[in-house]
């Protein structure tokens, strides 16, 4: 370990700060791996999957903070959940728990006063009760149907042996174990994850073109005159319109197509008002499949230096993807 200037080195034979904690965590996780019973966890998962409500997490102090993290992990991975502060629950918030819910209580000792005060009311509700605790023989451990335990063979690892350190790590690991089993049994996919993380980088990565496209867009016929075309494009506010005949889309018109069409007409001294959509349109519009990734569509726009794509399912147009949609979603 590199020694920082001005910081006294540990005396010879004295533990380097943190070593005790690392050893305590390693020992605790080693026993957790030995004790882990997948069948027991799967039985709890089956119970949770059968609920019509949510998983309610509760804990006091540091265990409460871990419970909040577990609730957030469950919610973001497909299992509706919430955190209930045990002290607030005793003063009215218990009404947030319904008979359709399941409850998971966290207490290292299994004797946390606020948690134990909740037990009679939760038992009367008849909700499935689980706990994460170090003591299966505690009051909490004996009162629940599902007890997920851990051991602390080397203690907490705290230099003063006072602050909860290894115990909260084990609680966190148990929460992630339960969440991971639920994810697998729900068939949770990257697309589901993206739906729950619309503002995150991971969410953007898994957006589909259909998630961002406009389902209503300006459409004109090949015979539509210049004024009608401009009116349709102004109302649509996409800077484009598709040209559609009896056989479907025959082309697209962009702002640039109109400018180029008028410039060509000037060389013949023709009347711009005589132009129709068929005279101006591009007959080979850039298209993208609705199920393609939005990042792929963004790459197409950048490579071709265009501002929109026609989105299709098979041969049928179903939407328009505009560059502004990609910018707003932070794909670009």
C-alpha atoms as a PDB file:
ATOM      1  CA  UNK A   1       0.000   0.000   0.000  1.00  0.00           C
ATOM      2  CA  UNK A   2       1.379   3.397  -0.949  1.00  0.00           C
ATOM      3  CA  UNK A   3       2.134   5.596   2.083  1.00  0.00           C
ATOM      4  CA  UNK A   4       0.694   9.125   1.950  1.00  0.00           C
ATOM      5  CA  UNK A   5       2.980  11.953   3.134  1.00  0.00           C
ATOM      6  CA  UNK A   6       1.998  13.332   6.534  1.00  0.00           C
ATOM      7  CA  UNK A   7      -0.006  10.241   7.462  1.00  0.00           C
ATOM      8  CA  UNK A   8       1.594   8.108  10.161  1.00  0.00           C
ATOM      9  CA  UNK A   9       2.360   4.545   9.127  1.00  0.00           C
ATOM     10  CA  UNK A  10       0.868   1.687  11.136  1.00  0.00           C
ATOM     11  CA  UNK A  11       3.187   0.450  13.861  1.00  0.00           C
ATOM     12  CA  UNK A  12       5.007  -2.797  13.174  1.00  0.00           C
ATOM     13  CA  UNK A  13       2.612  -5.668  13.750  1.00  0.00           C
ATOM     14  CA  UNK A  14      -0.427  -3.355  13.708  1.00  0.00           C
ATOM     15  CA  UNK A  15      -3.213  -4.061  11.169  1.00  0.00           C
ATOM     16  CA  UNK A  16      -3.450  -1.738   8.200  1.00  0.00           C
ATOM     17  CA  UNK A  17      -6.792   0.141   8.502  1.00  0.00           C
ATOM     18  CA  UNK A  18      -9.461  -1.689   6.506  1.00  0.00           C
ATOM     19  CA  UNK A  19      -7.753  -5.076   6.555  1.00  0.00           C
ATOM     20  CA  UNK A  20      -9.901  -6.272   9.444  1.00  0.00           C
ATOM     21  CA  UNK A  21     -13.051  -5.172   7.623  1.00  0.00           C
ATOM     22  CA  UNK A  22     -12.049  -6.893   4.383  1.00  0.00           C
ATOM     23  CA  UNK A  23     -11.329 -10.105   6.247  1.00  0.00           C
ATOM     24  CA  UNK A  24     -14.641  -9.882   8.111  1.00  0.00           C
ATOM     25  CA  UNK A  25     -16.606  -9.313   4.890  1.00  0.00           C
ATOM     26  CA  UNK A  26     -14.754 -12.127   3.125  1.00  0.00           C
ATOM     27  CA  UNK A  27     -15.498 -14.525   5.970  1.00  0.00           C
ATOM     28  CA  UNK A  28     -19.175 -13.538   6.119  1.00  0.00           C
ATOM     29  CA  UNK A  29     -19.712 -13.846   2.373  1.00  0.00           C
ATOM     30  CA  UNK A  30     -17.928 -17.185   2.402  1.00  0.00           C
ATOM     31  CA  UNK A  31     -20.390 -18.577   4.943  1.00  0.00           C
ATOM     32  CA  UNK A  32     -23.297 -17.012   3.050  1.00  0.00           C
ATOM     33  CA  UNK A  33     -22.177 -18.882  -0.062  1.00  0.00           C
ATOM     34  CA  UNK A  34     -22.025 -22.111   1.927  1.00  0.00           C
ATOM     35  CA  UNK A  35     -25.453 -21.578   3.515  1.00  0.00           C
ATOM     36  CA  UNK A  36     -27.230 -20.315   0.413  1.00  0.00           C
ATOM     37  CA  UNK A  37     -30.273 -22.451  -0.432  1.00  0.00           C
ATOM     38  CA  UNK A  38     -31.576 -21.695  -3.946  1.00  0.00           C
ATOM     39  CA  UNK A  39     -34.705 -23.811  -3.448  1.00  0.00           C
ATOM     40  CA  UNK A  40     -35.697 -21.762  -0.399  1.00  0.00           C
ATOM     41  CA  UNK A  41     -35.214 -18.528  -2.334  1.00  0.00           C
ATOM     42  CA  UNK A  42     -37.198 -19.881  -5.293  1.00  0.00           C
ATOM     43  CA  UNK A  43     -40.084 -20.701  -2.959  1.00  0.00           C
ATOM     44  CA  UNK A  44     -40.130 -17.089  -1.754  1.00  0.00           C
ATOM     45  CA  UNK A  45     -39.903 -15.858  -5.348  1.00  0.00           C
ATOM     46  CA  UNK A  46     -42.925 -17.973  -6.303  1.00  0.00           C
ATOM     47  CA  UNK A  47     -44.853 -16.394  -3.425  1.00  0.00           C
ATOM     48  CA  UNK A  48     -43.894 -12.871  -4.550  1.00  0.00           C
ATOM     49  CA  UNK A  49     -44.746 -13.529  -8.194  1.00  0.00           C
ATOM     50  CA  UNK A  50     -48.237 -14.545  -7.092  1.00  0.00           C
ATOM     51  CA  UNK A  51     -48.881 -11.238  -5.338  1.00  0.00           C
ATOM     52  CA  UNK A  52     -51.207  -8.646  -6.796  1.00  0.00           C
ATOM     53  CA  UNK A  53     -49.501  -5.911  -4.753  1.00  0.00           C
ATOM     54  CA  UNK A  54     -45.953  -4.843  -3.988  1.00  0.00           C
ATOM     55  CA  UNK A  55     -42.994  -5.872  -1.892  1.00  0.00           C
ATOM     56  CA  UNK A  56     -42.794  -3.555   1.121  1.00  0.00           C
ATOM     57  CA  UNK A  57     -39.320  -3.125   2.635  1.00  0.00           C
ATOM     58  CA  UNK A  58     -38.744  -1.807   6.140  1.00  0.00           C
ATOM     59  CA  UNK A  59     -35.777  -1.383   8.459  1.00  0.00           C
ATOM     60  CA  UNK A  60     -34.432   1.031  11.056  1.00  0.00           C
ATOM     61  CA  UNK A  61     -31.152   2.946  10.966  1.00  0.00           C
ATOM     62  CA  UNK A  62     -28.485   1.483   8.671  1.00  0.00           C
ATOM     63  CA  UNK A  63     -30.745  -1.497   7.935  1.00  0.00           C
ATOM     64  CA  UNK A  64     -33.370   1.017   6.814  1.00  0.00           C
ATOM     65  CA  UNK A  65     -30.943   2.566   4.344  1.00  0.00           C
ATOM     66  CA  UNK A  66     -30.174  -0.881   2.942  1.00  0.00           C
ATOM     67  CA  UNK A  67     -33.927  -1.586   2.744  1.00  0.00           C
ATOM     68  CA  UNK A  68     -34.361   1.577   0.673  1.00  0.00           C
ATOM     69  CA  UNK A  69     -31.664   0.399  -1.724  1.00  0.00           C
ATOM     70  CA  UNK A  70     -33.253  -3.040  -2.059  1.00  0.00           C
ATOM     71  CA  UNK A  71     -36.669  -1.464  -2.700  1.00  0.00           C
ATOM     72  CA  UNK A  72     -35.136   0.697  -5.437  1.00  0.00           C
ATOM     73  CA  UNK A  73     -33.388  -2.314  -7.011  1.00  0.00           C
ATOM     74  CA  UNK A  74     -36.582  -4.374  -7.012  1.00  0.00           C
ATOM     75  CA  UNK A  75     -38.632  -1.544  -8.528  1.00  0.00           C
ATOM     76  CA  UNK A  76     -36.103  -0.911 -11.294  1.00  0.00           C
ATOM     77  CA  UNK A  77     -35.941  -4.587 -12.207  1.00  0.00           C
ATOM     78  CA  UNK A  78     -39.637  -5.297 -12.576  1.00  0.00           C
ATOM     79  CA  UNK A  79     -40.916  -5.962  -9.036  1.00  0.00           C
ATOM     80  CA  UNK A  80     -43.179  -3.162  -7.690  1.00  0.00           C
ATOM     81  CA  UNK A  81     -41.878  -2.197  -4.270  1.00  0.00           C
ATOM     82  CA  UNK A  82     -41.677   0.596  -1.725  1.00  0.00           C
ATOM     83  CA  UNK A  83     -39.843   1.479   1.477  1.00  0.00           C
ATOM     84  CA  UNK A  84     -41.856   1.949   4.661  1.00  0.00           C
ATOM     85  CA  UNK A  85     -40.141   3.679   7.584  1.00  0.00           C
ATOM     86  CA  UNK A  86     -41.007   1.615  10.665  1.00  0.00           C
ATOM     87  CA  UNK A  87     -41.373   4.597  12.991  1.00  0.00           C
ATOM     88  CA  UNK A  88     -43.678   6.398  10.561  1.00  0.00           C
ATOM     89  CA  UNK A  89     -45.589   3.152  10.008  1.00  0.00           C
ATOM     90  CA  UNK A  90     -46.413   3.097  13.724  1.00  0.00           C
ATOM     91  CA  UNK A  91     -47.970   6.539  13.348  1.00  0.00           C
ATOM     92  CA  UNK A  92     -50.249   5.972  10.362  1.00  0.00           C
ATOM     93  CA  UNK A  93     -48.124   4.978   7.387  1.00  0.00           C
ATOM     94  CA  UNK A  94     -48.955   1.332   8.014  1.00  0.00           C
ATOM     95  CA  UNK A  95     -52.031   2.098   5.926  1.00  0.00           C
ATOM     96  CA  UNK A  96     -49.729   1.922   2.888  1.00  0.00           C
ATOM     97  CA  UNK A  97     -49.586  -1.866   3.302  1.00  0.00           C
ATOM     98  CA  UNK A  98     -52.500  -3.856   1.864  1.00  0.00           C
ATOM     99  CA  UNK A  99     -53.476  -7.491   2.034  1.00  0.00           C
ATOM    100  CA  UNK A 100     -52.169  -7.893  -1.536  1.00  0.00           C
ATOM    101  CA  UNK A 101     -48.604  -7.002  -0.545  1.00  0.00           C
ATOM    102  CA  UNK A 102     -45.611  -8.952   0.742  1.00  0.00           C
ATOM    103  CA  UNK A 103     -43.288  -7.560   3.409  1.00  0.00           C
ATOM    104  CA  UNK A 104     -39.524  -7.946   3.875  1.00  0.00           C
ATOM    105  CA  UNK A 105     -38.120  -6.670   7.194  1.00  0.00           C
ATOM    106  CA  UNK A 106     -34.437  -5.957   7.846  1.00  0.00           C
ATOM    107  CA  UNK A 107     -32.819  -6.128  11.281  1.00  0.00           C
ATOM    108  CA  UNK A 108     -29.330  -7.371  12.032  1.00  0.00           C
ATOM    109  CA  UNK A 109     -30.190  -8.475  15.572  1.00  0.00           C
ATOM    110  CA  UNK A 110     -33.779  -9.420  14.817  1.00  0.00           C
ATOM    111  CA  UNK A 111     -34.769  -7.501  17.942  1.00  0.00           C
ATOM    112  CA  UNK A 112     -35.119  -3.940  16.610  1.00  0.00           C
ATOM    113  CA  UNK A 113     -37.888  -2.359  18.692  1.00  0.00           C
ATOM    114  CA  UNK A 114     -39.679  -0.491  15.911  1.00  0.00           C
ATOM    115  CA  UNK A 115     -39.680  -3.577  13.677  1.00  0.00           C
ATOM    116  CA  UNK A 116     -41.051  -5.810  16.419  1.00  0.00           C
ATOM    117  CA  UNK A 117     -43.835  -3.300  17.115  1.00  0.00           C
ATOM    118  CA  UNK A 118     -44.915  -3.680  13.473  1.00  0.00           C
ATOM    119  CA  UNK A 119     -45.171  -7.454  13.606  1.00  0.00           C
ATOM    120  CA  UNK A 120     -48.606  -7.825  15.291  1.00  0.00           C
ATOM    121  CA  UNK A 121     -50.275  -5.535  12.734  1.00  0.00           C
ATOM    122  CA  UNK A 122     -48.571  -7.245   9.800  1.00  0.00           C
ATOM    123  CA  UNK A 123     -49.507 -10.676  11.115  1.00  0.00           C
ATOM    124  CA  UNK A 124     -53.138  -9.560  11.428  1.00  0.00           C
ATOM    125  CA  UNK A 125     -53.058  -8.434   7.794  1.00  0.00           C
ATOM    126  CA  UNK A 126     -51.986 -11.937   6.816  1.00  0.00           C
ATOM    127  CA  UNK A 127     -49.369 -10.736   4.330  1.00  0.00           C
ATOM    128  CA  UNK A 128     -46.386 -12.960   3.455  1.00  0.00           C
ATOM    129  CA  UNK A 129     -43.603 -11.973   5.855  1.00  0.00           C
ATOM    130  CA  UNK A 130     -39.895 -12.309   5.213  1.00  0.00           C
ATOM    131  CA  UNK A 131     -36.810 -11.045   7.020  1.00  0.00           C
ATOM    132  CA  UNK A 132     -33.110 -10.483   6.438  1.00  0.00           C
ATOM    133  CA  UNK A 133     -31.305 -10.934   9.762  1.00  0.00           C
ATOM    134  CA  UNK A 134     -28.242 -12.523  11.309  1.00  0.00           C
ATOM    135  CA  UNK A 135     -30.294 -14.424  13.904  1.00  0.00           C
ATOM    136  CA  UNK A 136     -32.869 -16.976  12.854  1.00  0.00           C
ATOM    137  CA  UNK A 137     -33.672 -17.626  16.519  1.00  0.00           C
ATOM    138  CA  UNK A 138     -34.487 -13.944  17.170  1.00  0.00           C
ATOM    139  CA  UNK A 139     -38.016 -12.675  17.732  1.00  0.00           C
ATOM    140  CA  UNK A 140     -38.133 -11.463  14.130  1.00  0.00           C
ATOM    141  CA  UNK A 141     -36.623 -14.646  12.744  1.00  0.00           C
ATOM    142  CA  UNK A 142     -39.160 -16.824  14.564  1.00  0.00           C
ATOM    143  CA  UNK A 143     -42.114 -14.658  13.475  1.00  0.00           C
ATOM    144  CA  UNK A 144     -41.677 -14.741   9.693  1.00  0.00           C
ATOM    145  CA  UNK A 145     -42.231 -17.455   7.116  1.00  0.00           C
ATOM    146  CA  UNK A 146     -39.133 -16.573   5.098  1.00  0.00           C
ATOM    147  CA  UNK A 147     -35.928 -15.897   7.024  1.00  0.00           C
ATOM    148  CA  UNK A 148     -32.823 -15.043   4.985  1.00  0.00           C
ATOM    149  CA  UNK A 149     -29.892 -15.212   7.365  1.00  0.00           C
ATOM    150  CA  UNK A 150     -26.182 -14.513   7.323  1.00  0.00           C
ATOM    151  CA  UNK A 151     -23.372 -15.102   9.776  1.00  0.00           C
ATOM    152  CA  UNK A 152     -20.611 -12.803  11.006  1.00  0.00           C
ATOM    153  CA  UNK A 153     -17.788 -15.212  11.914  1.00  0.00           C
ATOM    154  CA  UNK A 154     -15.251 -12.376  12.165  1.00  0.00           C
ATOM    155  CA  UNK A 155     -17.637  -9.738  13.515  1.00  0.00           C
ATOM    156  CA  UNK A 156     -18.490  -6.445  11.856  1.00  0.00           C
ATOM    157  CA  UNK A 157     -14.909  -5.542  10.971  1.00  0.00           C
ATOM    158  CA  UNK A 158     -15.373  -2.099  12.522  1.00  0.00           C
ATOM    159  CA  UNK A 159     -12.170  -0.862  14.245  1.00  0.00           C
ATOM    160  CA  UNK A 160     -14.285  -0.200  17.353  1.00  0.00           C
ATOM    161  CA  UNK A 161     -16.538  -3.234  16.767  1.00  0.00           C
ATOM    162  CA  UNK A 162     -19.512  -0.871  17.033  1.00  0.00           C
ATOM    163  CA  UNK A 163     -20.658   0.371  13.615  1.00  0.00           C
ATOM    164  CA  UNK A 164     -22.597  -2.046  11.347  1.00  0.00           C
ATOM    165  CA  UNK A 165     -20.346  -2.736   8.384  1.00  0.00           C
ATOM    166  CA  UNK A 166     -20.174  -6.396   7.402  1.00  0.00           C
ATOM    167  CA  UNK A 167     -23.802  -6.928   8.423  1.00  0.00           C
ATOM    168  CA  UNK A 168     -25.074  -4.223   6.053  1.00  0.00           C
ATOM    169  CA  UNK A 169     -22.947  -5.685   3.254  1.00  0.00           C
ATOM    170  CA  UNK A 170     -24.578  -9.082   3.815  1.00  0.00           C
ATOM    171  CA  UNK A 171     -28.038  -7.495   3.856  1.00  0.00           C
ATOM    172  CA  UNK A 172     -27.270  -5.752   0.574  1.00  0.00           C
ATOM    173  CA  UNK A 173     -26.065  -8.998  -0.992  1.00  0.00           C
ATOM    174  CA  UNK A 174     -29.244 -10.777   0.129  1.00  0.00           C
ATOM    175  CA  UNK A 175     -31.336  -8.035  -1.482  1.00  0.00           C
ATOM    176  CA  UNK A 176     -29.472  -8.406  -4.764  1.00  0.00           C
ATOM    177  CA  UNK A 177     -29.803 -12.197  -4.621  1.00  0.00           C
ATOM    178  CA  UNK A 178     -33.575 -11.939  -4.227  1.00  0.00           C
ATOM    179  CA  UNK A 179     -33.821  -9.300  -6.978  1.00  0.00           C
ATOM    180  CA  UNK A 180     -31.733 -11.368  -9.392  1.00  0.00           C
ATOM    181  CA  UNK A 181     -33.907 -14.454  -8.877  1.00  0.00           C
ATOM    182  CA  UNK A 182     -37.035 -12.372  -9.487  1.00  0.00           C
ATOM    183  CA  UNK A 183     -35.538 -10.892 -12.670  1.00  0.00           C
ATOM    184  CA  UNK A 184     -34.870 -14.353 -14.085  1.00  0.00           C
ATOM    185  CA  UNK A 185     -38.317 -15.703 -13.193  1.00  0.00           C
ATOM    186  CA  UNK A 186     -40.044 -12.635 -14.667  1.00  0.00           C
ATOM    187  CA  UNK A 187     -38.093 -12.908 -17.899  1.00  0.00           C
ATOM    188  CA  UNK A 188     -36.805  -9.374 -17.360  1.00  0.00           C
ATOM    189  CA  UNK A 189     -35.023  -8.106 -20.507  1.00  0.00           C
ATOM    190  CA  UNK A 190     -32.783  -5.159 -21.442  1.00  0.00           C
ATOM    191  CA  UNK A 191     -35.839  -3.595 -23.110  1.00  0.00           C
ATOM    192  CA  UNK A 192     -37.746  -3.786 -19.819  1.00  0.00           C
ATOM    193  CA  UNK A 193     -34.773  -2.216 -18.052  1.00  0.00           C
ATOM    194  CA  UNK A 194     -34.734   0.607 -20.592  1.00  0.00           C
ATOM    195  CA  UNK A 195     -38.435   1.263 -20.001  1.00  0.00           C
ATOM    196  CA  UNK A 196     -37.728   1.812 -16.290  1.00  0.00           C
ATOM    197  CA  UNK A 197     -34.637   3.967 -16.960  1.00  0.00           C
ATOM    198  CA  UNK A 198     -35.739   6.405 -19.689  1.00  0.00           C
ATOM    199  CA  UNK A 199     -33.350   9.145 -18.563  1.00  0.00           C
ATOM    200  CA  UNK A 200     -30.262   6.972 -18.147  1.00  0.00           C
ATOM    201  CA  UNK A 201     -27.521   6.092 -20.601  1.00  0.00           C
ATOM    202  CA  UNK A 202     -28.503   2.427 -20.430  1.00  0.00           C
ATOM    203  CA  UNK A 203     -32.093   3.302 -21.202  1.00  0.00           C
ATOM    204  CA  UNK A 204     -31.084   5.289 -24.272  1.00  0.00           C
ATOM    205  CA  UNK A 205     -28.960   2.382 -25.472  1.00  0.00           C
ATOM    206  CA  UNK A 206     -31.987   0.098 -25.625  1.00  0.00           C
ATOM    207  CA  UNK A 207     -34.534   2.477 -27.135  1.00  0.00           C
ATOM    208  CA  UNK A 208     -36.198   1.185 -30.292  1.00  0.00           C
ATOM    209  CA  UNK A 209     -37.033   3.368 -33.278  1.00  0.00           C
ATOM    210  CA  UNK A 210     -40.745   2.737 -32.619  1.00  0.00           C
ATOM    211  CA  UNK A 211     -40.327   4.267 -29.135  1.00  0.00           C
ATOM    212  CA  UNK A 212     -39.416   7.671 -30.596  1.00  0.00           C
ATOM    213  CA  UNK A 213     -41.156   7.867 -33.964  1.00  0.00           C
ATOM    214  CA  UNK A 214     -44.108  10.119 -34.852  1.00  0.00           C
ATOM    215  CA  UNK A 215     -47.170   8.051 -35.649  1.00  0.00           C
ATOM    216  CA  UNK A 216     -48.937  10.989 -37.341  1.00  0.00           C
ATOM    217  CA  UNK A 217     -47.135  12.868 -40.083  1.00  0.00           C
ATOM    218  CA  UNK A 218     -47.877  15.012 -43.162  1.00  0.00           C
ATOM    219  CA  UNK A 219     -49.103  13.041 -46.209  1.00  0.00           C
ATOM    220  CA  UNK A 220     -49.927  14.323 -49.661  1.00  0.00           C
ATOM    221  CA  UNK A 221     -50.784  12.828 -53.040  1.00  0.00           C
ATOM    222  CA  UNK A 222     -48.533  13.067 -56.133  1.00  0.00           C
ATOM    223  CA  UNK A 223     -50.960  15.642 -57.616  1.00  0.00           C
ATOM    224  CA  UNK A 224     -50.807  17.983 -54.581  1.00  0.00           C
ATOM    225  CA  UNK A 225     -49.664  21.453 -55.691  1.00  0.00           C
ATOM    226  CA  UNK A 226     -46.854  23.461 -54.148  1.00  0.00           C
ATOM    227  CA  UNK A 227     -49.136  25.562 -51.919  1.00  0.00           C
ATOM    228  CA  UNK A 228     -50.970  22.504 -50.620  1.00  0.00           C
ATOM    229  CA  UNK A 229     -47.657  20.784 -50.005  1.00  0.00           C
ATOM    230  CA  UNK A 230     -46.284  23.746 -48.054  1.00  0.00           C
ATOM    231  CA  UNK A 231     -49.476  23.928 -45.997  1.00  0.00           C
ATOM    232  CA  UNK A 232     -49.293  20.224 -45.090  1.00  0.00           C
ATOM    233  CA  UNK A 233     -45.614  20.454 -44.144  1.00  0.00           C
ATOM    234  CA  UNK A 234     -46.172  23.577 -42.041  1.00  0.00           C
ATOM    235  CA  UNK A 235     -48.963  21.888 -40.100  1.00  0.00           C
ATOM    236  CA  UNK A 236     -46.919  18.732 -39.599  1.00  0.00           C
ATOM    237  CA  UNK A 237     -43.894  20.639 -38.238  1.00  0.00           C
ATOM    238  CA  UNK A 238     -41.460  17.938 -39.355  1.00  0.00           C
ATOM    239  CA  UNK A 239     -39.991  19.677 -42.387  1.00  0.00           C
ATOM    240  CA  UNK A 240     -41.217  16.865 -44.640  1.00  0.00           C
ATOM    241  CA  UNK A 241     -44.193  15.005 -46.086  1.00  0.00           C
ATOM    242  CA  UNK A 242     -44.654  11.587 -47.604  1.00  0.00           C
ATOM    243  CA  UNK A 243     -46.148  11.345 -51.085  1.00  0.00           C
ATOM    244  CA  UNK A 244     -48.661   8.502 -51.210  1.00  0.00           C
ATOM    245  CA  UNK A 245     -50.598   7.041 -54.115  1.00  0.00           C
ATOM    246  CA  UNK A 246     -52.881   4.012 -54.506  1.00  0.00           C
ATOM    247  CA  UNK A 247     -49.899   1.674 -54.092  1.00  0.00           C
ATOM    248  CA  UNK A 248     -48.525   3.325 -50.975  1.00  0.00           C
ATOM    249  CA  UNK A 249     -45.594   5.691 -50.459  1.00  0.00           C
ATOM    250  CA  UNK A 250     -44.009   6.712 -53.738  1.00  0.00           C
ATOM    251  CA  UNK A 251     -41.648   9.337 -52.351  1.00  0.00           C
ATOM    252  CA  UNK A 252     -40.927  12.013 -49.756  1.00  0.00           C
ATOM    253  CA  UNK A 253     -40.590  15.758 -49.935  1.00  0.00           C
ATOM    254  CA  UNK A 254     -38.244  17.680 -47.645  1.00  0.00           C
ATOM    255  CA  UNK A 255     -37.593  21.412 -47.330  1.00  0.00           C
ATOM    256  CA  UNK A 256     -34.456  20.858 -49.384  1.00  0.00           C
ATOM    257  CA  UNK A 257     -36.401  19.094 -52.136  1.00  0.00           C
ATOM    258  CA  UNK A 258     -38.675  22.142 -52.484  1.00  0.00           C
ATOM    259  CA  UNK A 259     -35.713  24.528 -52.741  1.00  0.00           C
ATOM    260  CA  UNK A 260     -34.006  22.337 -55.333  1.00  0.00           C
ATOM    261  CA  UNK A 261     -37.244  21.980 -57.332  1.00  0.00           C
ATOM    262  CA  UNK A 262     -37.732  25.760 -57.487  1.00  0.00           C
ATOM    263  CA  UNK A 263     -34.083  26.300 -58.493  1.00  0.00           C
ATOM    264  CA  UNK A 264     -34.450  23.829 -61.373  1.00  0.00           C
ATOM    265  CA  UNK A 265     -37.615  25.589 -62.543  1.00  0.00           C
ATOM    266  CA  UNK A 266     -35.914  28.997 -62.610  1.00  0.00           C
ATOM    267  CA  UNK A 267     -33.626  27.847 -65.433  1.00  0.00           C
ATOM    268  CA  UNK A 268     -36.723  27.373 -67.628  1.00  0.00           C
ATOM    269  CA  UNK A 269     -38.578  30.458 -66.346  1.00  0.00           C
ATOM    270  CA  UNK A 270     -41.408  28.185 -65.250  1.00  0.00           C
ATOM    271  CA  UNK A 271     -44.084  29.007 -62.706  1.00  0.00           C
ATOM    272  CA  UNK A 272     -43.257  27.522 -59.246  1.00  0.00           C
ATOM    273  CA  UNK A 273     -46.975  27.417 -58.411  1.00  0.00           C
ATOM    274  CA  UNK A 274     -47.396  24.845 -61.173  1.00  0.00           C
ATOM    275  CA  UNK A 275     -45.134  22.382 -59.340  1.00  0.00           C
ATOM    276  CA  UNK A 276     -46.691  19.263 -57.816  1.00  0.00           C
ATOM    277  CA  UNK A 277     -45.410  16.876 -55.173  1.00  0.00           C
ATOM    278  CA  UNK A 278     -44.550  14.381 -57.918  1.00  0.00           C
ATOM    279  CA  UNK A 279     -42.297  16.983 -59.568  1.00  0.00           C
ATOM    280  CA  UNK A 280     -40.355  17.662 -56.366  1.00  0.00           C
ATOM    281  CA  UNK A 281     -40.247  14.420 -54.389  1.00  0.00           C
ATOM    282  CA  UNK A 282     -37.328  12.112 -53.799  1.00  0.00           C
ATOM    283  CA  UNK A 283     -38.341   8.676 -55.015  1.00  0.00           C
ATOM    284  CA  UNK A 284     -35.923   6.713 -52.818  1.00  0.00           C
ATOM    285  CA  UNK A 285     -36.571   7.807 -49.226  1.00  0.00           C
ATOM    286  CA  UNK A 286     -34.315   6.586 -46.449  1.00  0.00           C
ATOM    287  CA  UNK A 287     -36.180   3.990 -44.380  1.00  0.00           C
ATOM    288  CA  UNK A 288     -35.618   2.136 -41.127  1.00  0.00           C
ATOM    289  CA  UNK A 289     -37.425  -0.769 -39.493  1.00  0.00           C
ATOM    290  CA  UNK A 290     -39.594   0.008 -36.458  1.00  0.00           C
ATOM    291  CA  UNK A 291     -37.827  -2.664 -34.372  1.00  0.00           C
ATOM    292  CA  UNK A 292     -34.343  -1.342 -35.096  1.00  0.00           C
ATOM    293  CA  UNK A 293     -32.352   0.324 -32.319  1.00  0.00           C
ATOM    294  CA  UNK A 294     -32.614   4.102 -32.132  1.00  0.00           C
ATOM    295  CA  UNK A 295     -28.813   4.367 -32.034  1.00  0.00           C
ATOM    296  CA  UNK A 296     -28.673   2.565 -35.385  1.00  0.00           C
ATOM    297  CA  UNK A 297     -31.176   5.028 -36.850  1.00  0.00           C
ATOM    298  CA  UNK A 298     -29.064   7.874 -35.511  1.00  0.00           C
ATOM    299  CA  UNK A 299     -26.029   6.429 -37.288  1.00  0.00           C
ATOM    300  CA  UNK A 300     -27.955   6.297 -40.567  1.00  0.00           C
ATOM    301  CA  UNK A 301     -28.958   9.949 -40.278  1.00  0.00           C
ATOM    302  CA  UNK A 302     -25.415  11.048 -39.472  1.00  0.00           C
ATOM    303  CA  UNK A 303     -23.907   9.004 -42.323  1.00  0.00           C
ATOM    304  CA  UNK A 304     -26.388  10.341 -44.911  1.00  0.00           C
ATOM    305  CA  UNK A 305     -26.573  13.868 -43.446  1.00  0.00           C
ATOM    306  CA  UNK A 306     -30.390  13.774 -43.367  1.00  0.00           C
ATOM    307  CA  UNK A 307     -32.913  14.868 -40.745  1.00  0.00           C
ATOM    308  CA  UNK A 308     -35.590  12.178 -40.887  1.00  0.00           C
ATOM    309  CA  UNK A 309     -36.278   8.542 -41.724  1.00  0.00           C
ATOM    310  CA  UNK A 310     -39.448   6.789 -42.812  1.00  0.00           C
ATOM    311  CA  UNK A 311     -40.178   4.035 -40.290  1.00  0.00           C
ATOM    312  CA  UNK A 312     -41.764   0.886 -41.614  1.00  0.00           C
ATOM    313  CA  UNK A 313     -42.998  -2.521 -40.535  1.00  0.00           C
ATOM    314  CA  UNK A 314     -42.445  -4.824 -43.455  1.00  0.00           C
ATOM    315  CA  UNK A 315     -43.422  -2.710 -46.445  1.00  0.00           C
ATOM    316  CA  UNK A 316     -45.944  -0.578 -44.561  1.00  0.00           C
ATOM    317  CA  UNK A 317     -44.939   2.915 -43.317  1.00  0.00           C
ATOM    318  CA  UNK A 318     -45.839   3.339 -39.644  1.00  0.00           C
ATOM    319  CA  UNK A 319     -44.061   6.519 -38.604  1.00  0.00           C
ATOM    320  CA  UNK A 320     -41.445   9.202 -39.086  1.00  0.00           C
ATOM    321  CA  UNK A 321     -38.289   9.472 -36.975  1.00  0.00           C
ATOM    322  CA  UNK A 322     -36.910  13.018 -36.871  1.00  0.00           C
ATOM    323  CA  UNK A 323     -33.442  14.015 -35.757  1.00  0.00           C
ATOM    324  CA  UNK A 324     -35.016  16.251 -33.103  1.00  0.00           C
ATOM    325  CA  UNK A 325     -36.561  13.148 -31.519  1.00  0.00           C
ATOM    326  CA  UNK A 326     -33.104  11.598 -31.202  1.00  0.00           C
ATOM    327  CA  UNK A 327     -31.669  14.795 -29.751  1.00  0.00           C
ATOM    328  CA  UNK A 328     -34.495  15.107 -27.231  1.00  0.00           C
ATOM    329  CA  UNK A 329     -34.016  11.487 -26.101  1.00  0.00           C
ATOM    330  CA  UNK A 330     -30.232  12.146 -25.917  1.00  0.00           C
ATOM    331  CA  UNK A 331     -29.494   9.399 -28.405  1.00  0.00           C
ATOM    332  CA  UNK A 332     -27.454  12.027 -30.241  1.00  0.00           C
END
